[in-house]
């Protein structure tokens, strides 16, 4: 009996140590960064800024866990990240609890390039999590000079009198043929149509968007959209087409609140489009198909359209 009492503190110490050890390593095993985002998007296509922001959330099966530091890797080569190397940006161990709006601080990004990234975090015991799954983001135009395309329209003059805006006004169609003779690695469409636009490739609508682009003050900023069109490209002859609408770029002279004519406060004009297709081949070469005066144009089946009054479609 005396021997059991004498060894009780030892057993208690061993038990407490074991509990702490299990808790410590269970914390290590359960803490993980997940839901990785770049510019608030999962694997975004077409980032247009030079210093994108990264986000992630912390998950753990153990309560009251917090991040005390993080380590982030970015590389143009996925294989480098698999070896825990980041040639584009190695953040080092950053003692920071924040996991939102982590600004990129690596080597300058290149336009039209895919980058891979991953992150790991450290808990309050300075124990690192395992590395997150590898995510990616892809840049688009990073400066105005990256645009090679030209604005094109059908050349129709703008109406002068308010009454003319309410008559039939067929929207323009644009068409371009190009030939693919090599194996495609990837293909992207970058497009800005003013007002609204729909793009097609080999008879199929590109993407599932409607009412692109989003509304802006056109004299200050116009938005473009990036589409992955790799699966629509075929070897041999390809045909791409664009249909335009008025959108907010060519609105009717409606009186808003019985006093404001939007045409007096917004930069307006006849529908135009600017687009370029980037073709990346398996042999490492590239080709760009851009809007210019070589595109064909004709009147389309949408003979009237307005954001408030809908559209009239004549399939004949």
C-alpha atoms as a PDB file:
ATOM      1  CA  UNK A   1       0.000   0.000   0.000  1.00  0.00           C
ATOM      2  CA  UNK A   2       2.779   2.419   0.911  1.00  0.00           C
ATOM      3  CA  UNK A   3       4.540   1.578  -2.373  1.00  0.00           C
ATOM      4  CA  UNK A   4       1.416   2.398  -4.406  1.00  0.00           C
ATOM      5  CA  UNK A   5       1.067   5.765  -2.626  1.00  0.00           C
ATOM      6  CA  UNK A   6       4.724   6.521  -3.234  1.00  0.00           C
ATOM      7  CA  UNK A   7       4.435   5.891  -7.005  1.00  0.00           C
ATOM      8  CA  UNK A   8       1.150   7.814  -7.440  1.00  0.00           C
ATOM      9  CA  UNK A   9       2.841  11.152  -8.364  1.00  0.00           C
ATOM     10  CA  UNK A  10       4.944   9.365 -10.985  1.00  0.00           C
ATOM     11  CA  UNK A  11       1.896   7.749 -12.538  1.00  0.00           C
ATOM     12  CA  UNK A  12       0.053  11.067 -12.480  1.00  0.00           C
ATOM     13  CA  UNK A  13       2.974  12.775 -14.183  1.00  0.00           C
ATOM     14  CA  UNK A  14       3.157  10.100 -16.875  1.00  0.00           C
ATOM     15  CA  UNK A  15      -0.601  10.299 -17.450  1.00  0.00           C
ATOM     16  CA  UNK A  16      -0.570  14.098 -17.770  1.00  0.00           C
ATOM     17  CA  UNK A  17       2.453  13.980 -20.066  1.00  0.00           C
ATOM     18  CA  UNK A  18       0.737  11.405 -22.267  1.00  0.00           C
ATOM     19  CA  UNK A  19      -2.436  13.519 -22.466  1.00  0.00           C
ATOM     20  CA  UNK A  20      -0.434  16.612 -23.393  1.00  0.00           C
ATOM     21  CA  UNK A  21       1.542  14.657 -25.969  1.00  0.00           C
ATOM     22  CA  UNK A  22      -1.579  13.232 -27.608  1.00  0.00           C
ATOM     23  CA  UNK A  23      -3.254  16.641 -27.594  1.00  0.00           C
ATOM     24  CA  UNK A  24      -0.158  18.289 -29.049  1.00  0.00           C
ATOM     25  CA  UNK A  25       0.203  15.873 -31.943  1.00  0.00           C
ATOM     26  CA  UNK A  26      -3.532  15.710 -32.592  1.00  0.00           C
ATOM     27  CA  UNK A  27      -3.425  19.474 -32.943  1.00  0.00           C
ATOM     28  CA  UNK A  28      -0.610  19.167 -35.442  1.00  0.00           C
ATOM     29  CA  UNK A  29      -2.467  16.544 -37.405  1.00  0.00           C
ATOM     30  CA  UNK A  30      -5.796  18.404 -37.482  1.00  0.00           C
ATOM     31  CA  UNK A  31      -4.842  22.034 -38.224  1.00  0.00           C
ATOM     32  CA  UNK A  32      -4.943  22.746 -41.934  1.00  0.00           C
ATOM     33  CA  UNK A  33      -5.409  25.710 -44.307  1.00  0.00           C
ATOM     34  CA  UNK A  34      -8.337  25.092 -46.636  1.00  0.00           C
ATOM     35  CA  UNK A  35     -10.622  26.931 -49.074  1.00  0.00           C
ATOM     36  CA  UNK A  36      -7.694  28.692 -50.701  1.00  0.00           C
ATOM     37  CA  UNK A  37      -8.643  31.725 -52.791  1.00  0.00           C
ATOM     38  CA  UNK A  38      -6.789  34.177 -55.000  1.00  0.00           C
ATOM     39  CA  UNK A  39      -8.575  37.493 -55.440  1.00  0.00           C
ATOM     40  CA  UNK A  40     -11.505  35.825 -53.636  1.00  0.00           C
ATOM     41  CA  UNK A  41     -11.845  33.212 -56.377  1.00  0.00           C
ATOM     42  CA  UNK A  42     -10.941  29.544 -56.556  1.00  0.00           C
ATOM     43  CA  UNK A  43      -8.356  29.005 -59.305  1.00  0.00           C
ATOM     44  CA  UNK A  44      -9.207  32.279 -61.084  1.00  0.00           C
ATOM     45  CA  UNK A  45      -8.750  32.638 -64.824  1.00  0.00           C
ATOM     46  CA  UNK A  46      -7.657  36.069 -65.981  1.00  0.00           C
ATOM     47  CA  UNK A  47      -6.205  38.021 -63.022  1.00  0.00           C
ATOM     48  CA  UNK A  48      -5.546  41.557 -64.196  1.00  0.00           C
ATOM     49  CA  UNK A  49      -3.471  42.933 -61.318  1.00  0.00           C
ATOM     50  CA  UNK A  50       0.233  42.671 -60.607  1.00  0.00           C
ATOM     51  CA  UNK A  51      -0.079  41.944 -56.872  1.00  0.00           C
ATOM     52  CA  UNK A  52      -3.010  39.601 -56.287  1.00  0.00           C
ATOM     53  CA  UNK A  53      -4.263  38.806 -52.783  1.00  0.00           C
ATOM     54  CA  UNK A  54      -4.484  35.348 -51.195  1.00  0.00           C
ATOM     55  CA  UNK A  55      -7.005  34.035 -48.673  1.00  0.00           C
ATOM     56  CA  UNK A  56      -7.511  30.801 -46.766  1.00  0.00           C
ATOM     57  CA  UNK A  57      -9.421  29.563 -43.734  1.00  0.00           C
ATOM     58  CA  UNK A  58      -8.114  27.514 -40.793  1.00  0.00           C
ATOM     59  CA  UNK A  59      -9.757  24.202 -39.980  1.00  0.00           C
ATOM     60  CA  UNK A  60      -9.125  22.046 -36.951  1.00  0.00           C
ATOM     61  CA  UNK A  61     -10.859  19.344 -34.954  1.00  0.00           C
ATOM     62  CA  UNK A  62      -9.310  20.841 -31.811  1.00  0.00           C
ATOM     63  CA  UNK A  63     -11.008  23.941 -30.338  1.00  0.00           C
ATOM     64  CA  UNK A  64      -9.357  27.301 -29.699  1.00  0.00           C
ATOM     65  CA  UNK A  65      -6.655  26.897 -32.313  1.00  0.00           C
ATOM     66  CA  UNK A  66      -5.205  29.998 -33.919  1.00  0.00           C
ATOM     67  CA  UNK A  67      -2.677  30.769 -36.608  1.00  0.00           C
ATOM     68  CA  UNK A  68       0.493  32.532 -35.504  1.00  0.00           C
ATOM     69  CA  UNK A  69       2.453  32.403 -38.770  1.00  0.00           C
ATOM     70  CA  UNK A  70       2.266  31.229 -42.370  1.00  0.00           C
ATOM     71  CA  UNK A  71       4.566  30.186 -45.193  1.00  0.00           C
ATOM     72  CA  UNK A  72       3.521  30.632 -48.839  1.00  0.00           C
ATOM     73  CA  UNK A  73       5.059  29.369 -52.081  1.00  0.00           C
ATOM     74  CA  UNK A  74       4.354  30.493 -55.656  1.00  0.00           C
ATOM     75  CA  UNK A  75       5.891  28.989 -58.771  1.00  0.00           C
ATOM     76  CA  UNK A  76       5.318  28.840 -62.496  1.00  0.00           C
ATOM     77  CA  UNK A  77       6.093  25.126 -62.336  1.00  0.00           C
ATOM     78  CA  UNK A  78       3.791  22.807 -60.418  1.00  0.00           C
ATOM     79  CA  UNK A  79       6.644  20.313 -59.997  1.00  0.00           C
ATOM     80  CA  UNK A  80       8.570  22.853 -57.929  1.00  0.00           C
ATOM     81  CA  UNK A  81       5.735  23.141 -55.436  1.00  0.00           C
ATOM     82  CA  UNK A  82       5.543  19.377 -55.168  1.00  0.00           C
ATOM     83  CA  UNK A  83       9.164  19.602 -53.974  1.00  0.00           C
ATOM     84  CA  UNK A  84       8.265  22.484 -51.598  1.00  0.00           C
ATOM     85  CA  UNK A  85      10.123  25.070 -53.647  1.00  0.00           C
ATOM     86  CA  UNK A  86       8.738  28.420 -54.840  1.00  0.00           C
ATOM     87  CA  UNK A  87      10.944  30.145 -57.412  1.00  0.00           C
ATOM     88  CA  UNK A  88       8.398  32.902 -58.098  1.00  0.00           C
ATOM     89  CA  UNK A  89       7.846  33.760 -54.443  1.00  0.00           C
ATOM     90  CA  UNK A  90       8.998  32.146 -51.220  1.00  0.00           C
ATOM     91  CA  UNK A  91       7.502  34.219 -48.435  1.00  0.00           C
ATOM     92  CA  UNK A  92       9.553  32.637 -45.695  1.00  0.00           C
ATOM     93  CA  UNK A  93       7.946  32.204 -42.302  1.00  0.00           C
ATOM     94  CA  UNK A  94       5.773  35.280 -41.738  1.00  0.00           C
ATOM     95  CA  UNK A  95       4.636  35.807 -38.154  1.00  0.00           C
ATOM     96  CA  UNK A  96       1.124  36.957 -38.902  1.00  0.00           C
ATOM     97  CA  UNK A  97      -2.293  35.809 -37.707  1.00  0.00           C
ATOM     98  CA  UNK A  98      -4.121  37.181 -40.733  1.00  0.00           C
ATOM     99  CA  UNK A  99      -5.275  34.790 -43.445  1.00  0.00           C
ATOM    100  CA  UNK A 100      -7.093  37.232 -45.731  1.00  0.00           C
ATOM    101  CA  UNK A 101      -5.753  39.726 -48.256  1.00  0.00           C
ATOM    102  CA  UNK A 102      -2.216  38.384 -48.076  1.00  0.00           C
ATOM    103  CA  UNK A 103      -0.591  40.462 -50.802  1.00  0.00           C
ATOM    104  CA  UNK A 104       1.751  38.874 -53.340  1.00  0.00           C
ATOM    105  CA  UNK A 105       5.331  40.130 -52.864  1.00  0.00           C
ATOM    106  CA  UNK A 106       7.308  37.920 -55.209  1.00  0.00           C
ATOM    107  CA  UNK A 107       9.013  38.420 -58.558  1.00  0.00           C
ATOM    108  CA  UNK A 108       7.055  40.467 -61.131  1.00  0.00           C
ATOM    109  CA  UNK A 109       4.246  38.450 -62.697  1.00  0.00           C
ATOM    110  CA  UNK A 110       4.079  37.943 -66.457  1.00  0.00           C
ATOM    111  CA  UNK A 111       0.867  38.421 -68.453  1.00  0.00           C
ATOM    112  CA  UNK A 112      -1.006  35.391 -69.819  1.00  0.00           C
ATOM    113  CA  UNK A 113       0.777  33.001 -67.447  1.00  0.00           C
ATOM    114  CA  UNK A 114      -0.467  30.360 -65.017  1.00  0.00           C
ATOM    115  CA  UNK A 115       1.107  30.251 -61.559  1.00  0.00           C
ATOM    116  CA  UNK A 116       0.739  27.611 -58.840  1.00  0.00           C
ATOM    117  CA  UNK A 117       0.673  28.281 -55.105  1.00  0.00           C
ATOM    118  CA  UNK A 118       0.237  26.627 -51.729  1.00  0.00           C
ATOM    119  CA  UNK A 119       0.486  27.587 -48.073  1.00  0.00           C
ATOM    120  CA  UNK A 120       1.053  26.093 -44.648  1.00  0.00           C
ATOM    121  CA  UNK A 121       0.369  27.634 -41.266  1.00  0.00           C
ATOM    122  CA  UNK A 122       1.803  27.462 -37.729  1.00  0.00           C
ATOM    123  CA  UNK A 123      -0.292  27.117 -34.586  1.00  0.00           C
ATOM    124  CA  UNK A 124       0.246  28.760 -31.196  1.00  0.00           C
ATOM    125  CA  UNK A 125       2.766  26.021 -30.333  1.00  0.00           C
ATOM    126  CA  UNK A 126       4.732  26.955 -33.465  1.00  0.00           C
ATOM    127  CA  UNK A 127       3.888  23.567 -34.982  1.00  0.00           C
ATOM    128  CA  UNK A 128       3.406  23.691 -38.770  1.00  0.00           C
ATOM    129  CA  UNK A 129       0.454  22.160 -40.550  1.00  0.00           C
ATOM    130  CA  UNK A 130       0.968  20.064 -43.611  1.00  0.00           C
ATOM    131  CA  UNK A 131       1.060  21.958 -46.894  1.00  0.00           C
ATOM    132  CA  UNK A 132      -2.268  22.798 -48.473  1.00  0.00           C
ATOM    133  CA  UNK A 133      -3.378  21.383 -51.778  1.00  0.00           C
ATOM    134  CA  UNK A 134      -1.810  23.134 -54.764  1.00  0.00           C
ATOM    135  CA  UNK A 135      -3.970  25.860 -56.287  1.00  0.00           C
ATOM    136  CA  UNK A 136      -3.403  28.116 -59.296  1.00  0.00           C
ATOM    137  CA  UNK A 137      -4.208  31.505 -60.748  1.00  0.00           C
ATOM    138  CA  UNK A 138      -3.706  32.756 -64.285  1.00  0.00           C
ATOM    139  CA  UNK A 139      -2.870  36.301 -65.313  1.00  0.00           C
ATOM    140  CA  UNK A 140      -4.385  38.129 -68.257  1.00  0.00           C
ATOM    141  CA  UNK A 141      -3.531  41.659 -69.407  1.00  0.00           C
ATOM    142  CA  UNK A 142      -1.388  43.418 -66.819  1.00  0.00           C
ATOM    143  CA  UNK A 143      -0.949  46.662 -68.768  1.00  0.00           C
ATOM    144  CA  UNK A 144      -2.646  48.410 -71.728  1.00  0.00           C
ATOM    145  CA  UNK A 145       0.302  47.416 -73.922  1.00  0.00           C
ATOM    146  CA  UNK A 146      -0.731  43.760 -73.594  1.00  0.00           C
ATOM    147  CA  UNK A 147      -3.723  44.471 -75.818  1.00  0.00           C
ATOM    148  CA  UNK A 148      -3.033  43.922 -79.509  1.00  0.00           C
ATOM    149  CA  UNK A 149      -6.677  43.994 -80.556  1.00  0.00           C
ATOM    150  CA  UNK A 150      -8.461  46.976 -82.068  1.00  0.00           C
ATOM    151  CA  UNK A 151     -11.947  48.297 -81.389  1.00  0.00           C
ATOM    152  CA  UNK A 152     -14.187  47.340 -84.311  1.00  0.00           C
ATOM    153  CA  UNK A 153     -17.777  48.206 -85.185  1.00  0.00           C
ATOM    154  CA  UNK A 154     -19.991  47.979 -88.236  1.00  0.00           C
ATOM    155  CA  UNK A 155     -19.387  51.608 -89.198  1.00  0.00           C
ATOM    156  CA  UNK A 156     -23.022  52.681 -88.872  1.00  0.00           C
ATOM    157  CA  UNK A 157     -23.366  56.335 -87.820  1.00  0.00           C
ATOM    158  CA  UNK A 158     -25.042  57.191 -84.544  1.00  0.00           C
ATOM    159  CA  UNK A 159     -28.620  58.462 -84.508  1.00  0.00           C
ATOM    160  CA  UNK A 160     -29.083  62.206 -84.048  1.00  0.00           C
ATOM    161  CA  UNK A 161     -32.726  62.566 -83.020  1.00  0.00           C
ATOM    162  CA  UNK A 162     -34.390  60.900 -80.028  1.00  0.00           C
ATOM    163  CA  UNK A 163     -37.111  59.376 -82.212  1.00  0.00           C
ATOM    164  CA  UNK A 164     -34.547  57.481 -84.286  1.00  0.00           C
ATOM    165  CA  UNK A 165     -33.370  55.474 -81.276  1.00  0.00           C
ATOM    166  CA  UNK A 166     -36.784  53.757 -81.081  1.00  0.00           C
ATOM    167  CA  UNK A 167     -36.812  52.441 -84.643  1.00  0.00           C
ATOM    168  CA  UNK A 168     -35.423  49.095 -85.770  1.00  0.00           C
ATOM    169  CA  UNK A 169     -31.660  48.956 -85.329  1.00  0.00           C
ATOM    170  CA  UNK A 170     -30.201  45.518 -86.172  1.00  0.00           C
ATOM    171  CA  UNK A 171     -27.239  44.665 -83.981  1.00  0.00           C
ATOM    172  CA  UNK A 172     -23.953  43.768 -85.716  1.00  0.00           C
ATOM    173  CA  UNK A 173     -22.454  40.304 -86.071  1.00  0.00           C
ATOM    174  CA  UNK A 174     -18.696  39.798 -86.531  1.00  0.00           C
ATOM    175  CA  UNK A 175     -16.952  36.761 -87.962  1.00  0.00           C
ATOM    176  CA  UNK A 176     -13.388  35.544 -88.329  1.00  0.00           C
ATOM    177  CA  UNK A 177     -11.956  32.270 -89.664  1.00  0.00           C
ATOM    178  CA  UNK A 178      -8.570  30.846 -88.689  1.00  0.00           C
ATOM    179  CA  UNK A 179      -6.789  27.554 -89.221  1.00  0.00           C
ATOM    180  CA  UNK A 180      -5.125  25.331 -86.620  1.00  0.00           C
ATOM    181  CA  UNK A 181      -2.368  23.047 -87.900  1.00  0.00           C
ATOM    182  CA  UNK A 182      -0.589  22.139 -84.651  1.00  0.00           C
ATOM    183  CA  UNK A 183      -1.625  20.515 -81.402  1.00  0.00           C
ATOM    184  CA  UNK A 184      -3.181  22.963 -78.943  1.00  0.00           C
ATOM    185  CA  UNK A 185      -2.039  23.123 -75.310  1.00  0.00           C
ATOM    186  CA  UNK A 186      -4.446  25.865 -74.242  1.00  0.00           C
ATOM    187  CA  UNK A 187      -6.573  28.631 -75.734  1.00  0.00           C
ATOM    188  CA  UNK A 188      -8.057  31.759 -74.155  1.00  0.00           C
ATOM    189  CA  UNK A 189     -10.477  34.434 -75.312  1.00  0.00           C
ATOM    190  CA  UNK A 190     -10.163  37.941 -73.854  1.00  0.00           C
ATOM    191  CA  UNK A 191     -13.108  40.104 -74.858  1.00  0.00           C
ATOM    192  CA  UNK A 192     -14.697  43.461 -74.107  1.00  0.00           C
ATOM    193  CA  UNK A 193     -17.926  44.191 -75.978  1.00  0.00           C
ATOM    194  CA  UNK A 194     -19.708  47.531 -75.627  1.00  0.00           C
ATOM    195  CA  UNK A 195     -22.521  47.347 -74.777  1.00  0.00           C
ATOM    196  CA  UNK A 196     -23.336  43.655 -74.158  1.00  0.00           C
ATOM    197  CA  UNK A 197     -21.784  40.825 -76.118  1.00  0.00           C
ATOM    198  CA  UNK A 198     -22.055  37.113 -76.808  1.00  0.00           C
ATOM    199  CA  UNK A 199     -19.165  35.185 -78.327  1.00  0.00           C
ATOM    200  CA  UNK A 200     -19.275  31.921 -80.291  1.00  0.00           C
ATOM    201  CA  UNK A 201     -16.724  29.440 -81.563  1.00  0.00           C
ATOM    202  CA  UNK A 202     -17.515  26.798 -84.191  1.00  0.00           C
ATOM    203  CA  UNK A 203     -21.234  27.324 -83.639  1.00  0.00           C
ATOM    204  CA  UNK A 204     -21.176  26.990 -79.834  1.00  0.00           C
ATOM    205  CA  UNK A 205     -21.712  29.816 -77.366  1.00  0.00           C
ATOM    206  CA  UNK A 206     -18.596  30.563 -75.336  1.00  0.00           C
ATOM    207  CA  UNK A 207     -19.186  30.412 -71.578  1.00  0.00           C
ATOM    208  CA  UNK A 208     -22.416  30.669 -69.622  1.00  0.00           C
ATOM    209  CA  UNK A 209     -22.330  34.399 -68.894  1.00  0.00           C
ATOM    210  CA  UNK A 210     -25.172  36.781 -69.641  1.00  0.00           C
ATOM    211  CA  UNK A 211     -25.111  40.573 -69.752  1.00  0.00           C
ATOM    212  CA  UNK A 212     -21.330  40.862 -70.078  1.00  0.00           C
ATOM    213  CA  UNK A 213     -19.575  43.130 -69.367  1.00  0.00           C
ATOM    214  CA  UNK A 214     -20.627  44.567 -66.025  1.00  0.00           C
ATOM    215  CA  UNK A 215     -21.710  48.188 -65.782  1.00  0.00           C
ATOM    216  CA  UNK A 216     -19.002  50.842 -65.448  1.00  0.00           C
ATOM    217  CA  UNK A 217     -18.542  54.515 -66.259  1.00  0.00           C
ATOM    218  CA  UNK A 218     -17.288  53.852 -69.775  1.00  0.00           C
ATOM    219  CA  UNK A 219     -15.161  56.976 -70.042  1.00  0.00           C
ATOM    220  CA  UNK A 220     -13.171  55.751 -67.023  1.00  0.00           C
ATOM    221  CA  UNK A 221     -13.130  51.961 -67.183  1.00  0.00           C
ATOM    222  CA  UNK A 222     -14.320  49.090 -69.374  1.00  0.00           C
ATOM    223  CA  UNK A 223     -14.286  45.495 -68.175  1.00  0.00           C
ATOM    224  CA  UNK A 224     -13.128  42.514 -70.196  1.00  0.00           C
ATOM    225  CA  UNK A 225     -13.855  38.821 -69.643  1.00  0.00           C
ATOM    226  CA  UNK A 226     -11.532  35.804 -69.933  1.00  0.00           C
ATOM    227  CA  UNK A 227     -12.801  32.460 -71.265  1.00  0.00           C
ATOM    228  CA  UNK A 228     -11.066  29.090 -71.500  1.00  0.00           C
ATOM    229  CA  UNK A 229     -11.874  27.930 -75.042  1.00  0.00           C
ATOM    230  CA  UNK A 230      -9.397  25.053 -75.274  1.00  0.00           C
ATOM    231  CA  UNK A 231     -12.148  22.454 -75.597  1.00  0.00           C
ATOM    232  CA  UNK A 232     -13.850  24.330 -78.456  1.00  0.00           C
ATOM    233  CA  UNK A 233     -10.783  24.584 -80.683  1.00  0.00           C
ATOM    234  CA  UNK A 234     -10.421  21.915 -83.358  1.00  0.00           C
ATOM    235  CA  UNK A 235      -7.702  21.087 -85.827  1.00  0.00           C
ATOM    236  CA  UNK A 236      -8.232  22.627 -89.243  1.00  0.00           C
ATOM    237  CA  UNK A 237     -10.611  25.499 -89.924  1.00  0.00           C
ATOM    238  CA  UNK A 238     -12.207  27.317 -86.988  1.00  0.00           C
ATOM    239  CA  UNK A 239     -14.784  30.098 -87.060  1.00  0.00           C
ATOM    240  CA  UNK A 240     -15.397  32.565 -84.260  1.00  0.00           C
ATOM    241  CA  UNK A 241     -18.280  35.005 -84.071  1.00  0.00           C
ATOM    242  CA  UNK A 242     -19.442  37.855 -81.845  1.00  0.00           C
ATOM    243  CA  UNK A 243     -22.903  39.376 -81.465  1.00  0.00           C
ATOM    244  CA  UNK A 244     -23.259  42.777 -79.856  1.00  0.00           C
ATOM    245  CA  UNK A 245     -26.053  44.551 -78.029  1.00  0.00           C
ATOM    246  CA  UNK A 246     -26.639  48.111 -76.886  1.00  0.00           C
ATOM    247  CA  UNK A 247     -26.395  47.512 -73.153  1.00  0.00           C
ATOM    248  CA  UNK A 248     -25.505  50.580 -71.117  1.00  0.00           C
ATOM    249  CA  UNK A 249     -23.162  51.832 -73.839  1.00  0.00           C
ATOM    250  CA  UNK A 250     -25.928  52.765 -76.296  1.00  0.00           C
ATOM    251  CA  UNK A 251     -29.059  53.318 -74.170  1.00  0.00           C
ATOM    252  CA  UNK A 252     -32.312  54.865 -75.282  1.00  0.00           C
ATOM    253  CA  UNK A 253     -32.816  58.553 -74.436  1.00  0.00           C
ATOM    254  CA  UNK A 254     -35.132  57.621 -71.556  1.00  0.00           C
ATOM    255  CA  UNK A 255     -35.908  60.197 -68.890  1.00  0.00           C
ATOM    256  CA  UNK A 256     -34.983  58.645 -65.533  1.00  0.00           C
ATOM    257  CA  UNK A 257     -36.995  60.087 -62.636  1.00  0.00           C
ATOM    258  CA  UNK A 258     -38.623  62.323 -65.267  1.00  0.00           C
ATOM    259  CA  UNK A 259     -35.516  64.507 -65.412  1.00  0.00           C
ATOM    260  CA  UNK A 260     -32.240  62.628 -66.157  1.00  0.00           C
ATOM    261  CA  UNK A 261     -31.340  61.488 -69.657  1.00  0.00           C
ATOM    262  CA  UNK A 262     -28.668  58.821 -69.161  1.00  0.00           C
ATOM    263  CA  UNK A 263     -27.137  59.701 -72.537  1.00  0.00           C
ATOM    264  CA  UNK A 264     -26.232  63.097 -71.114  1.00  0.00           C
ATOM    265  CA  UNK A 265     -24.333  61.616 -68.162  1.00  0.00           C
ATOM    266  CA  UNK A 266     -22.695  58.474 -69.564  1.00  0.00           C
ATOM    267  CA  UNK A 267     -20.202  58.081 -72.393  1.00  0.00           C
ATOM    268  CA  UNK A 268     -22.163  56.438 -75.188  1.00  0.00           C
ATOM    269  CA  UNK A 269     -21.627  55.240 -78.740  1.00  0.00           C
ATOM    270  CA  UNK A 270     -22.449  52.628 -81.332  1.00  0.00           C
ATOM    271  CA  UNK A 271     -21.767  49.018 -80.216  1.00  0.00           C
ATOM    272  CA  UNK A 272     -18.102  48.017 -80.601  1.00  0.00           C
ATOM    273  CA  UNK A 273     -15.931  45.091 -79.527  1.00  0.00           C
ATOM    274  CA  UNK A 274     -12.298  44.421 -78.702  1.00  0.00           C
ATOM    275  CA  UNK A 275     -11.131  40.809 -78.418  1.00  0.00           C
ATOM    276  CA  UNK A 276      -8.161  38.551 -78.875  1.00  0.00           C
ATOM    277  CA  UNK A 277      -7.727  34.798 -78.877  1.00  0.00           C
ATOM    278  CA  UNK A 278      -4.455  33.434 -77.488  1.00  0.00           C
ATOM    279  CA  UNK A 279      -3.429  30.039 -78.857  1.00  0.00           C
ATOM    280  CA  UNK A 280      -0.682  28.171 -77.009  1.00  0.00           C
ATOM    281  CA  UNK A 281       0.712  25.162 -78.867  1.00  0.00           C
ATOM    282  CA  UNK A 282       2.329  22.048 -77.477  1.00  0.00           C
ATOM    283  CA  UNK A 283       5.636  22.940 -79.166  1.00  0.00           C
ATOM    284  CA  UNK A 284       5.842  26.121 -77.068  1.00  0.00           C
ATOM    285  CA  UNK A 285       4.853  28.552 -79.816  1.00  0.00           C
ATOM    286  CA  UNK A 286       1.934  30.985 -79.550  1.00  0.00           C
ATOM    287  CA  UNK A 287      -0.463  32.727 -81.907  1.00  0.00           C
ATOM    288  CA  UNK A 288      -2.885  35.608 -81.385  1.00  0.00           C
ATOM    289  CA  UNK A 289      -6.107  36.193 -83.322  1.00  0.00           C
ATOM    290  CA  UNK A 290      -7.277  39.748 -82.606  1.00  0.00           C
ATOM    291  CA  UNK A 291     -10.088  41.986 -83.760  1.00  0.00           C
ATOM    292  CA  UNK A 292      -9.053  44.245 -86.651  1.00  0.00           C
ATOM    293  CA  UNK A 293     -10.329  45.322 -90.062  1.00  0.00           C
ATOM    294  CA  UNK A 294     -10.007  41.759 -91.408  1.00  0.00           C
ATOM    295  CA  UNK A 295     -13.167  40.638 -89.575  1.00  0.00           C
ATOM    296  CA  UNK A 296     -16.396  40.369 -91.544  1.00  0.00           C
ATOM    297  CA  UNK A 297     -19.551  42.075 -90.268  1.00  0.00           C
ATOM    298  CA  UNK A 298     -23.243  42.014 -91.102  1.00  0.00           C
ATOM    299  CA  UNK A 299     -26.591  42.776 -89.496  1.00  0.00           C
ATOM    300  CA  UNK A 300     -27.807  40.296 -86.910  1.00  0.00           C
ATOM    301  CA  UNK A 301     -31.276  38.997 -85.960  1.00  0.00           C
ATOM    302  CA  UNK A 302     -31.671  41.247 -82.901  1.00  0.00           C
ATOM    303  CA  UNK A 303     -33.413  44.236 -84.463  1.00  0.00           C
ATOM    304  CA  UNK A 304     -34.204  46.085 -81.223  1.00  0.00           C
ATOM    305  CA  UNK A 305     -32.763  45.792 -77.734  1.00  0.00           C
ATOM    306  CA  UNK A 306     -32.712  47.810 -74.545  1.00  0.00           C
ATOM    307  CA  UNK A 307     -31.955  47.047 -70.898  1.00  0.00           C
ATOM    308  CA  UNK A 308     -35.452  48.175 -69.876  1.00  0.00           C
ATOM    309  CA  UNK A 309     -37.585  47.263 -72.898  1.00  0.00           C
ATOM    310  CA  UNK A 310     -36.103  43.854 -73.792  1.00  0.00           C
ATOM    311  CA  UNK A 311     -35.297  42.765 -77.344  1.00  0.00           C
ATOM    312  CA  UNK A 312     -36.956  41.974 -80.637  1.00  0.00           C
ATOM    313  CA  UNK A 313     -35.471  38.942 -82.410  1.00  0.00           C
ATOM    314  CA  UNK A 314     -36.206  38.264 -86.083  1.00  0.00           C
ATOM    315  CA  UNK A 315     -34.846  34.855 -87.069  1.00  0.00           C
ATOM    316  CA  UNK A 316     -35.574  35.444 -90.770  1.00  0.00           C
END
